[in-house]
Amino acid sequence: MTEEKVVTRKQVKAVRAKNDEGQENTETAKPQKPTRWVQIRLLPIWLRVLLVLLLVAGAVAGGLTVGYAILGGGDASDALKWETYQHILDIMNGTSK
């Protein structure tokens, strides 16, 4: 089983800069083992998922507020109250007085 050498982009740039300066001749150098790229993530995946969920929740809340207050002519603070949607459900189910 061959081991792959793990390198970062910074290390590759340093080697390329060294090669460009002529300090190392690539024609006489021994063939190297294949290198594998490793991407360093700035934000972990779980944080990305959480961030997307928070942004979706914010977009839904903003859309409800704009739709209820501007388009519907209601009070913006009522758009996020459960009583408003309970009343809508009661109207749909025919249980409203």
PDB file of N, CA and C in Angstrom:
ATOM      1  N   MET A   1       0.842  -1.175   0.000  1.00  0.00           N
ATOM      2  CA  MET A   1       0.000   0.000   0.000  1.00  0.00           C
ATOM      3  C   MET A   1       0.892   1.245   0.000  1.00  0.00           C
ATOM      4  N   THR A   2       0.620   2.129  -0.895  1.00  0.00           N
ATOM      5  CA  THR A   2       1.438   3.335  -0.978  1.00  0.00           C
ATOM      6  C   THR A   2       0.818   4.423  -0.120  1.00  0.00           C
ATOM      7  N   GLU A   3       1.678   5.146   0.517  1.00  0.00           N
ATOM      8  CA  GLU A   3       1.216   6.261   1.327  1.00  0.00           C
ATOM      9  C   GLU A   3       1.240   7.519   0.483  1.00  0.00           C
ATOM     10  N   GLU A   4       0.169   8.281   0.563  1.00  0.00           N
ATOM     11  CA  GLU A   4       0.116   9.549  -0.150  1.00  0.00           C
ATOM     12  C   GLU A   4       0.543  10.649   0.805  1.00  0.00           C
ATOM     13  N   LYS A   5       1.311  11.547   0.294  1.00  0.00           N
ATOM     14  CA  LYS A   5       1.771  12.667   1.101  1.00  0.00           C
ATOM     15  C   LYS A   5       0.691  13.746   1.079  1.00  0.00           C
ATOM     16  N   VAL A   6       0.302  14.239   2.230  1.00  0.00           N
ATOM     17  CA  VAL A   6      -0.716  15.273   2.346  1.00  0.00           C
ATOM     18  C   VAL A   6      -0.008  16.610   2.457  1.00  0.00           C
ATOM     19  N   VAL A   7      -0.331  17.508   1.546  1.00  0.00           N
ATOM     20  CA  VAL A   7       0.293  18.827   1.561  1.00  0.00           C
ATOM     21  C   VAL A   7      -0.781  19.895   1.515  1.00  0.00           C
ATOM     22  N   THR A   8      -0.441  21.059   2.008  1.00  0.00           N
ATOM     23  CA  THR A   8      -1.351  22.192   1.935  1.00  0.00           C
ATOM     24  C   THR A   8      -0.937  23.087   0.774  1.00  0.00           C
ATOM     25  N   ARG A   9      -1.815  23.972   0.427  1.00  0.00           N
ATOM     26  CA  ARG A   9      -1.517  24.889  -0.683  1.00  0.00           C
ATOM     27  C   ARG A   9      -0.312  25.777  -0.389  1.00  0.00           C
ATOM     28  N   LYS A  10      -0.164  26.152   0.869  1.00  0.00           N
ATOM     29  CA  LYS A  10       0.959  27.010   1.249  1.00  0.00           C
ATOM     30  C   LYS A  10       2.285  26.288   1.011  1.00  0.00           C
ATOM     31  N   GLN A  11       2.329  24.987   1.318  1.00  0.00           N
ATOM     32  CA  GLN A  11       3.542  24.217   1.101  1.00  0.00           C
ATOM     33  C   GLN A  11       3.835  24.077  -0.390  1.00  0.00           C
ATOM     34  N   VAL A  12       2.795  23.875  -1.197  1.00  0.00           N
ATOM     35  CA  VAL A  12       2.988  23.749  -2.646  1.00  0.00           C
ATOM     36  C   VAL A  12       3.505  25.058  -3.222  1.00  0.00           C
ATOM     37  N   LYS A  13       2.962  26.183  -2.754  1.00  0.00           N
ATOM     38  CA  LYS A  13       3.431  27.481  -3.242  1.00  0.00           C
ATOM     39  C   LYS A  13       4.898  27.704  -2.887  1.00  0.00           C
ATOM     40  N   ALA A  14       5.284  27.269  -1.682  1.00  0.00           N
ATOM     41  CA  ALA A  14       6.678  27.434  -1.266  1.00  0.00           C
ATOM     42  C   ALA A  14       7.606  26.598  -2.145  1.00  0.00           C
ATOM     43  N   VAL A  15       7.208  25.377  -2.473  1.00  0.00           N
ATOM     44  CA  VAL A  15       8.040  24.515  -3.328  1.00  0.00           C
ATOM     45  C   VAL A  15       8.110  25.092  -4.735  1.00  0.00           C
ATOM     46  N   ARG A  16       6.988  25.581  -5.241  1.00  0.00           N
ATOM     47  CA  ARG A  16       6.997  26.166  -6.586  1.00  0.00           C
ATOM     48  C   ARG A  16       7.870  27.417  -6.639  1.00  0.00           C
ATOM     49  N   ALA A  17       7.824  28.224  -5.596  1.00  0.00           N
ATOM     50  CA  ALA A  17       8.659  29.427  -5.554  1.00  0.00           C
ATOM     51  C   ALA A  17      10.130  29.039  -5.516  1.00  0.00           C
ATOM     52  N   LYS A  18      10.430  27.998  -4.782  1.00  0.00           N
ATOM     53  CA  LYS A  18      11.805  27.521  -4.707  1.00  0.00           C
ATOM     54  C   LYS A  18      12.263  27.011  -6.069  1.00  0.00           C
ATOM     55  N   ASN A  19      11.393  26.292  -6.770  1.00  0.00           N
ATOM     56  CA  ASN A  19      11.717  25.792  -8.105  1.00  0.00           C
ATOM     57  C   ASN A  19      11.883  26.927  -9.111  1.00  0.00           C
ATOM     58  N   ASP A  20      11.044  27.941  -8.987  1.00  0.00           N
ATOM     59  CA  ASP A  20      11.120  29.064  -9.916  1.00  0.00           C
ATOM     60  C   ASP A  20      12.413  29.859  -9.751  1.00  0.00           C
ATOM     61  N   GLU A  21      12.972  29.856  -8.535  1.00  0.00           N
ATOM     62  CA  GLU A  21      14.209  30.580  -8.294  1.00  0.00           C
ATOM     63  C   GLU A  21      15.423  29.829  -8.838  1.00  0.00           C
ATOM     64  N   GLY A  22      15.228  28.592  -9.248  1.00  0.00           N
ATOM     65  CA  GLY A  22      16.326  27.825  -9.827  1.00  0.00           C
ATOM     66  C   GLY A  22      17.194  27.142  -8.803  1.00  0.00           C
ATOM     67  N   GLN A  23      16.743  27.047  -7.565  1.00  0.00           N
ATOM     68  CA  GLN A  23      17.543  26.407  -6.541  1.00  0.00           C
ATOM     69  C   GLN A  23      17.493  24.882  -6.642  1.00  0.00           C
ATOM     70  N   GLU A  24      16.465  24.376  -7.332  1.00  0.00           N
ATOM     71  CA  GLU A  24      16.332  22.931  -7.448  1.00  0.00           C
ATOM     72  C   GLU A  24      16.028  22.591  -8.900  1.00  0.00           C
ATOM     73  N   ASN A  25      16.753  21.665  -9.465  1.00  0.00           N
ATOM     74  CA  ASN A  25      16.541  21.270 -10.854  1.00  0.00           C
ATOM     75  C   ASN A  25      15.529  20.134 -10.873  1.00  0.00           C
ATOM     76  N   THR A  26      14.400  20.347 -11.555  1.00  0.00           N
ATOM     77  CA  THR A  26      13.339  19.341 -11.565  1.00  0.00           C
ATOM     78  C   THR A  26      13.666  18.181 -12.484  1.00  0.00           C
ATOM     79  N   GLU A  27      14.579  18.354 -13.441  1.00  0.00           N
ATOM     80  CA  GLU A  27      14.908  17.265 -14.362  1.00  0.00           C
ATOM     81  C   GLU A  27      15.729  16.181 -13.685  1.00  0.00           C
ATOM     82  N   THR A  28      16.555  16.544 -12.720  1.00  0.00           N
ATOM     83  CA  THR A  28      17.402  15.559 -12.054  1.00  0.00           C
ATOM     84  C   THR A  28      16.798  15.082 -10.732  1.00  0.00           C
ATOM     85  N   ALA A  29      15.703  15.651 -10.330  1.00  0.00           N
ATOM     86  CA  ALA A  29      15.088  15.258  -9.067  1.00  0.00           C
ATOM     87  C   ALA A  29      14.406  13.907  -9.201  1.00  0.00           C
ATOM     88  N   LYS A  30      14.367  13.156  -8.107  1.00  0.00           N
ATOM     89  CA  LYS A  30      13.700  11.862  -8.107  1.00  0.00           C
ATOM     90  C   LYS A  30      12.192  12.062  -8.212  1.00  0.00           C
ATOM     91  N   PRO A  31      11.502  11.131  -8.870  1.00  0.00           N
ATOM     92  CA  PRO A  31      10.044  11.264  -8.921  1.00  0.00           C
ATOM     93  C   PRO A  31       9.454  11.140  -7.514  1.00  0.00           C
ATOM     94  N   GLN A  32       8.502  12.005  -7.229  1.00  0.00           N
ATOM     95  CA  GLN A  32       7.908  12.024  -5.903  1.00  0.00           C
ATOM     96  C   GLN A  32       6.627  11.205  -5.897  1.00  0.00           C
ATOM     97  N   LYS A  33       6.212  10.839  -4.696  1.00  0.00           N
ATOM     98  CA  LYS A  33       4.940  10.143  -4.547  1.00  0.00           C
ATOM     99  C   LYS A  33       3.819  11.117  -4.897  1.00  0.00           C
ATOM    100  N   PRO A  34       2.696  10.617  -5.393  1.00  0.00           N
ATOM    101  CA  PRO A  34       1.594  11.532  -5.722  1.00  0.00           C
ATOM    102  C   PRO A  34       1.105  12.261  -4.469  1.00  0.00           C
ATOM    103  N   THR A  35       0.808  13.513  -4.639  1.00  0.00           N
ATOM    104  CA  THR A  35       0.334  14.307  -3.516  1.00  0.00           C
ATOM    105  C   THR A  35      -1.181  14.390  -3.561  1.00  0.00           C
ATOM    106  N   ARG A  36      -1.773  14.515  -2.405  1.00  0.00           N
ATOM    107  CA  ARG A  36      -3.219  14.613  -2.282  1.00  0.00           C
ATOM    108  C   ARG A  36      -3.553  15.991  -1.714  1.00  0.00           C
ATOM    109  N   TRP A  37      -4.509  16.661  -2.338  1.00  0.00           N
ATOM    110  CA  TRP A  37      -4.900  17.999  -1.890  1.00  0.00           C
ATOM    111  C   TRP A  37      -5.799  17.887  -0.664  1.00  0.00           C
ATOM    112  N   VAL A  38      -5.559  18.758   0.279  1.00  0.00           N
ATOM    113  CA  VAL A  38      -6.388  18.836   1.472  1.00  0.00           C
ATOM    114  C   VAL A  38      -6.952  20.236   1.535  1.00  0.00           C
ATOM    115  N   GLN A  39      -8.271  20.319   1.541  1.00  0.00           N
ATOM    116  CA  GLN A  39      -8.906  21.630   1.637  1.00  0.00           C
ATOM    117  C   GLN A  39      -9.179  21.929   3.101  1.00  0.00           C
ATOM    118  N   ILE A  40      -8.730  23.062   3.550  1.00  0.00           N
ATOM    119  CA  ILE A  40      -8.971  23.481   4.925  1.00  0.00           C
ATOM    120  C   ILE A  40     -10.221  24.345   4.923  1.00  0.00           C
ATOM    121  N   ARG A  41     -11.245  23.897   5.639  1.00  0.00           N
ATOM    122  CA  ARG A  41     -12.508  24.630   5.669  1.00  0.00           C
ATOM    123  C   ARG A  41     -12.458  25.705   6.744  1.00  0.00           C
ATOM    124  N   LEU A  42     -12.948  26.891   6.395  1.00  0.00           N
ATOM    125  CA  LEU A  42     -12.997  27.967   7.373  1.00  0.00           C
ATOM    126  C   LEU A  42     -14.132  27.753   8.359  1.00  0.00           C
ATOM    127  N   LEU A  43     -15.264  27.244   7.857  1.00  0.00           N
ATOM    128  CA  LEU A  43     -16.411  26.951   8.709  1.00  0.00           C
ATOM    129  C   LEU A  43     -16.717  25.463   8.629  1.00  0.00           C
ATOM    130  N   PRO A  44     -16.856  24.793   9.759  1.00  0.00           N
ATOM    131  CA  PRO A  44     -17.208  23.374   9.712  1.00  0.00           C
ATOM    132  C   PRO A  44     -18.585  23.164   9.101  1.00  0.00           C
ATOM    133  N   ILE A  45     -18.850  21.957   8.629  1.00  0.00           N
ATOM    134  CA  ILE A  45     -20.111  21.677   7.941  1.00  0.00           C
ATOM    135  C   ILE A  45     -21.296  21.884   8.873  1.00  0.00           C
ATOM    136  N   TRP A  46     -21.191  21.475  10.132  1.00  0.00           N
ATOM    137  CA  TRP A  46     -22.322  21.631  11.051  1.00  0.00           C
ATOM    138  C   TRP A  46     -22.651  23.106  11.263  1.00  0.00           C
ATOM    139  N   LEU A  47     -21.631  23.960  11.232  1.00  0.00           N
ATOM    140  CA  LEU A  47     -21.873  25.392  11.390  1.00  0.00           C
ATOM    141  C   LEU A  47     -22.519  25.968  10.133  1.00  0.00           C
ATOM    142  N   ARG A  48     -22.130  25.452   8.973  1.00  0.00           N
ATOM    143  CA  ARG A  48     -22.765  25.889   7.723  1.00  0.00           C
ATOM    144  C   ARG A  48     -24.237  25.525   7.697  1.00  0.00           C
ATOM    145  N   VAL A  49     -24.556  24.294   8.123  1.00  0.00           N
ATOM    146  CA  VAL A  49     -25.953  23.854   8.146  1.00  0.00           C
ATOM    147  C   VAL A  49     -26.751  24.721   9.105  1.00  0.00           C
ATOM    148  N   LEU A  50     -26.207  24.978  10.282  1.00  0.00           N
ATOM    149  CA  LEU A  50     -26.882  25.830  11.256  1.00  0.00           C
ATOM    150  C   LEU A  50     -27.087  27.239  10.713  1.00  0.00           C
ATOM    151  N   LEU A  51     -26.085  27.764  10.049  1.00  0.00           N
ATOM    152  CA  LEU A  51     -26.185  29.103   9.467  1.00  0.00           C
ATOM    153  C   LEU A  51     -27.266  29.162   8.395  1.00  0.00           C
ATOM    154  N   VAL A  52     -27.347  28.142   7.556  1.00  0.00           N
ATOM    155  CA  VAL A  52     -28.378  28.109   6.514  1.00  0.00           C
ATOM    156  C   VAL A  52     -29.766  28.027   7.140  1.00  0.00           C
ATOM    157  N   LEU A  53     -29.922  27.201   8.177  1.00  0.00           N
ATOM    158  CA  LEU A  53     -31.222  27.098   8.844  1.00  0.00           C
ATOM    159  C   LEU A  53     -31.636  28.424   9.489  1.00  0.00           C
ATOM    160  N   LEU A  54     -30.678  29.108  10.093  1.00  0.00           N
ATOM    161  CA  LEU A  54     -30.990  30.418  10.682  1.00  0.00           C
ATOM    162  C   LEU A  54     -31.364  31.444   9.618  1.00  0.00           C
ATOM    163  N   LEU A  55     -30.662  31.413   8.495  1.00  0.00           N
ATOM    164  CA  LEU A  55     -30.996  32.343   7.416  1.00  0.00           C
ATOM    165  C   LEU A  55     -32.369  32.040   6.820  1.00  0.00           C
ATOM    166  N   VAL A  56     -32.712  30.761   6.697  1.00  0.00           N
ATOM    167  CA  VAL A  56     -34.039  30.387   6.183  1.00  0.00           C
ATOM    168  C   VAL A  56     -35.125  30.843   7.157  1.00  0.00           C
ATOM    169  N   ALA A  57     -34.909  30.626   8.458  1.00  0.00           N
ATOM    170  CA  ALA A  57     -35.885  31.066   9.455  1.00  0.00           C
ATOM    171  C   ALA A  57     -36.051  32.587   9.423  1.00  0.00           C
ATOM    172  N   GLY A  58     -34.950  33.308   9.266  1.00  0.00           N
ATOM    173  CA  GLY A  58     -35.033  34.768   9.174  1.00  0.00           C
ATOM    174  C   GLY A  58     -35.770  35.227   7.921  1.00  0.00           C
ATOM    175  N   ALA A  59     -35.533  34.528   6.810  1.00  0.00           N
ATOM    176  CA  ALA A  59     -36.235  34.884   5.568  1.00  0.00           C
ATOM    177  C   ALA A  59     -37.724  34.609   5.685  1.00  0.00           C
ATOM    178  N   VAL A  60     -38.088  33.504   6.329  1.00  0.00           N
ATOM    179  CA  VAL A  60     -39.512  33.191   6.520  1.00  0.00           C
ATOM    180  C   VAL A  60     -40.160  34.237   7.416  1.00  0.00           C
ATOM    181  N   ALA A  61     -39.516  34.583   8.519  1.00  0.00           N
ATOM    182  CA  ALA A  61     -40.073  35.591   9.421  1.00  0.00           C
ATOM    183  C   ALA A  61     -40.192  36.948   8.732  1.00  0.00           C
ATOM    184  N   GLY A  62     -39.185  37.322   7.969  1.00  0.00           N
ATOM    185  CA  GLY A  62     -39.254  38.590   7.236  1.00  0.00           C
ATOM    186  C   GLY A  62     -40.343  38.580   6.176  1.00  0.00           C
ATOM    187  N   GLY A  63     -40.481  37.465   5.478  1.00  0.00           N
ATOM    188  CA  GLY A  63     -41.540  37.355   4.469  1.00  0.00           C
ATOM    189  C   GLY A  63     -42.931  37.404   5.077  1.00  0.00           C
ATOM    190  N   LEU A  64     -43.109  36.738   6.210  1.00  0.00           N
ATOM    191  CA  LEU A  64     -44.409  36.791   6.893  1.00  0.00           C
ATOM    192  C   LEU A  64     -44.737  38.210   7.344  1.00  0.00           C
ATOM    193  N   THR A  65     -43.749  38.893   7.889  1.00  0.00           N
ATOM    194  CA  THR A  65     -43.969  40.257   8.369  1.00  0.00           C
ATOM    195  C   THR A  65     -44.315  41.199   7.229  1.00  0.00           C
ATOM    196  N   VAL A  66     -43.557  41.123   6.151  1.00  0.00           N
ATOM    197  CA  VAL A  66     -43.818  42.002   4.998  1.00  0.00           C
ATOM    198  C   VAL A  66     -45.171  41.669   4.378  1.00  0.00           C
ATOM    199  N   GLY A  67     -45.439  40.398   4.214  1.00  0.00           N
ATOM    200  CA  GLY A  67     -46.704  40.012   3.601  1.00  0.00           C
ATOM    201  C   GLY A  67     -47.907  40.397   4.433  1.00  0.00           C
ATOM    202  N   TYR A  68     -47.829  40.227   5.741  1.00  0.00           N
ATOM    203  CA  TYR A  68     -48.961  40.534   6.614  1.00  0.00           C
ATOM    204  C   TYR A  68     -49.133  42.036   6.804  1.00  0.00           C
ATOM    205  N   ALA A  69     -48.024  42.753   6.992  1.00  0.00           N
ATOM    206  CA  ALA A  69     -48.114  44.176   7.303  1.00  0.00           C
ATOM    207  C   ALA A  69     -48.338  45.024   6.060  1.00  0.00           C
ATOM    208  N   ILE A  70     -47.548  44.802   5.011  1.00  0.00           N
ATOM    209  CA  ILE A  70     -47.617  45.672   3.837  1.00  0.00           C
ATOM    210  C   ILE A  70     -48.706  45.220   2.878  1.00  0.00           C
ATOM    211  N   LEU A  71     -48.681  43.969   2.511  1.00  0.00           N
ATOM    212  CA  LEU A  71     -49.658  43.471   1.548  1.00  0.00           C
ATOM    213  C   LEU A  71     -51.033  43.243   2.172  1.00  0.00           C
ATOM    214  N   GLY A  72     -51.064  42.785   3.416  1.00  0.00           N
ATOM    215  CA  GLY A  72     -52.334  42.475   4.064  1.00  0.00           C
ATOM    216  C   GLY A  72     -52.936  43.637   4.829  1.00  0.00           C
ATOM    217  N   GLY A  73     -52.159  44.662   5.085  1.00  0.00           N
ATOM    218  CA  GLY A  73     -52.670  45.832   5.791  1.00  0.00           C
ATOM    219  C   GLY A  73     -52.811  45.631   7.289  1.00  0.00           C
ATOM    220  N   GLY A  74     -52.186  44.602   7.865  1.00  0.00           N
ATOM    221  CA  GLY A  74     -52.271  44.357   9.304  1.00  0.00           C
ATOM    222  C   GLY A  74     -51.108  44.988  10.038  1.00  0.00           C
ATOM    223  N   ASP A  75     -51.074  44.700  11.340  1.00  0.00           N
ATOM    224  CA  ASP A  75     -49.982  45.204  12.178  1.00  0.00           C
ATOM    225  C   ASP A  75     -48.798  44.252  12.059  1.00  0.00           C
ATOM    226  N   ALA A  76     -47.600  44.790  11.880  1.00  0.00           N
ATOM    227  CA  ALA A  76     -46.408  43.971  11.658  1.00  0.00           C
ATOM    228  C   ALA A  76     -46.110  43.059  12.845  1.00  0.00           C
ATOM    229  N   SER A  77     -46.398  43.486  14.057  1.00  0.00           N
ATOM    230  CA  SER A  77     -46.106  42.655  15.224  1.00  0.00           C
ATOM    231  C   SER A  77     -47.051  41.453  15.327  1.00  0.00           C
ATOM    232  N   ASP A  78     -48.239  41.550  14.713  1.00  0.00           N
ATOM    233  CA  ASP A  78     -49.189  40.438  14.739  1.00  0.00           C
ATOM    234  C   ASP A  78     -48.784  39.304  13.804  1.00  0.00           C
ATOM    235  N   ALA A  79     -47.883  39.573  12.900  1.00  0.00           N
ATOM    236  CA  ALA A  79     -47.513  38.575  11.897  1.00  0.00           C
ATOM    237  C   ALA A  79     -46.808  37.382  12.509  1.00  0.00           C
ATOM    238  N   LEU A  80     -46.152  37.549  13.632  1.00  0.00           N
ATOM    239  CA  LEU A  80     -45.408  36.457  14.240  1.00  0.00           C
ATOM    240  C   LEU A  80     -46.082  35.890  15.486  1.00  0.00           C
ATOM    241  N   LYS A  81     -47.324  36.239  15.743  1.00  0.00           N
ATOM    242  CA  LYS A  81     -48.064  35.716  16.894  1.00  0.00           C
ATOM    243  C   LYS A  81     -48.821  34.453  16.483  1.00  0.00           C
ATOM    244  N   TRP A  82     -48.854  33.485  17.381  1.00  0.00           N
ATOM    245  CA  TRP A  82     -49.542  32.231  17.086  1.00  0.00           C
ATOM    246  C   TRP A  82     -51.059  32.446  16.951  1.00  0.00           C
ATOM    247  N   GLU A  83     -51.628  33.386  17.688  1.00  0.00           N
ATOM    248  CA  GLU A  83     -53.070  33.620  17.640  1.00  0.00           C
ATOM    249  C   GLU A  83     -53.541  33.988  16.239  1.00  0.00           C
ATOM    250  N   THR A  84     -52.713  34.704  15.492  1.00  0.00           N
ATOM    251  CA  THR A  84     -53.061  35.092  14.121  1.00  0.00           C
ATOM    252  C   THR A  84     -53.250  33.857  13.250  1.00  0.00           C
ATOM    253  N   TYR A  85     -52.355  32.909  13.357  1.00  0.00           N
ATOM    254  CA  TYR A  85     -52.421  31.718  12.514  1.00  0.00           C
ATOM    255  C   TYR A  85     -53.448  30.723  13.029  1.00  0.00           C
ATOM    256  N   GLN A  86     -53.713  30.752  14.344  1.00  0.00           N
ATOM    257  CA  GLN A  86     -54.796  29.927  14.882  1.00  0.00           C
ATOM    258  C   GLN A  86     -56.127  30.425  14.341  1.00  0.00           C
ATOM    259  N   HIS A  87     -56.291  31.729  14.249  1.00  0.00           N
ATOM    260  CA  HIS A  87     -57.513  32.310  13.691  1.00  0.00           C
ATOM    261  C   HIS A  87     -57.676  31.916  12.215  1.00  0.00           C
ATOM    262  N   ILE A  88     -56.577  31.946  11.451  1.00  0.00           N
ATOM    263  CA  ILE A  88     -56.622  31.550  10.039  1.00  0.00           C
ATOM    264  C   ILE A  88     -57.003  30.075   9.923  1.00  0.00           C
ATOM    265  N   LEU A  89     -56.434  29.222  10.772  1.00  0.00           N
ATOM    266  CA  LEU A  89     -56.782  27.801  10.759  1.00  0.00           C
ATOM    267  C   LEU A  89     -58.242  27.579  11.135  1.00  0.00           C
ATOM    268  N   ASP A  90     -58.745  28.366  12.099  1.00  0.00           N
ATOM    269  CA  ASP A  90     -60.145  28.249  12.481  1.00  0.00           C
ATOM    270  C   ASP A  90     -61.058  28.630  11.326  1.00  0.00           C
ATOM    271  N   ILE A  91     -60.710  29.657  10.581  1.00  0.00           N
ATOM    272  CA  ILE A  91     -61.502  30.066   9.413  1.00  0.00           C
ATOM    273  C   ILE A  91     -61.475  28.963   8.356  1.00  0.00           C
ATOM    274  N   MET A  92     -60.313  28.361   8.121  1.00  0.00           N
ATOM    275  CA  MET A  92     -60.215  27.299   7.116  1.00  0.00           C
ATOM    276  C   MET A  92     -61.012  26.062   7.516  1.00  0.00           C
ATOM    277  N   ASN A  93     -61.027  25.719   8.796  1.00  0.00           N
ATOM    278  CA  ASN A  93     -61.731  24.531   9.260  1.00  0.00           C
ATOM    279  C   ASN A  93     -63.221  24.782   9.525  1.00  0.00           C
ATOM    280  N   GLY A  94     -63.632  26.033   9.463  1.00  0.00           N
ATOM    281  CA  GLY A  94     -65.039  26.361   9.659  1.00  0.00           C
ATOM    282  C   GLY A  94     -65.458  26.396  11.124  1.00  0.00           C
ATOM    283  N   THR A  95     -64.505  26.527  12.044  1.00  0.00           N
ATOM    284  CA  THR A  95     -64.845  26.554  13.460  1.00  0.00           C
ATOM    285  C   THR A  95     -64.838  27.979  14.023  1.00  0.00           C
ATOM    286  N   SER A  96     -64.706  28.974  13.165  1.00  0.00           N
ATOM    287  CA  SER A  96     -64.656  30.364  13.610  1.00  0.00           C
ATOM    288  C   SER A  96     -66.059  30.859  13.923  1.00  0.00           C
ATOM    289  N   LYS A  97     -66.184  31.740  14.893  1.00  0.00           N
ATOM    290  CA  LYS A  97     -67.488  32.298  15.279  1.00  0.00           C
ATOM    291  C   LYS A  97     -67.912  33.396  14.353  1.00  0.00           C
TER     292      LYS A  97
END
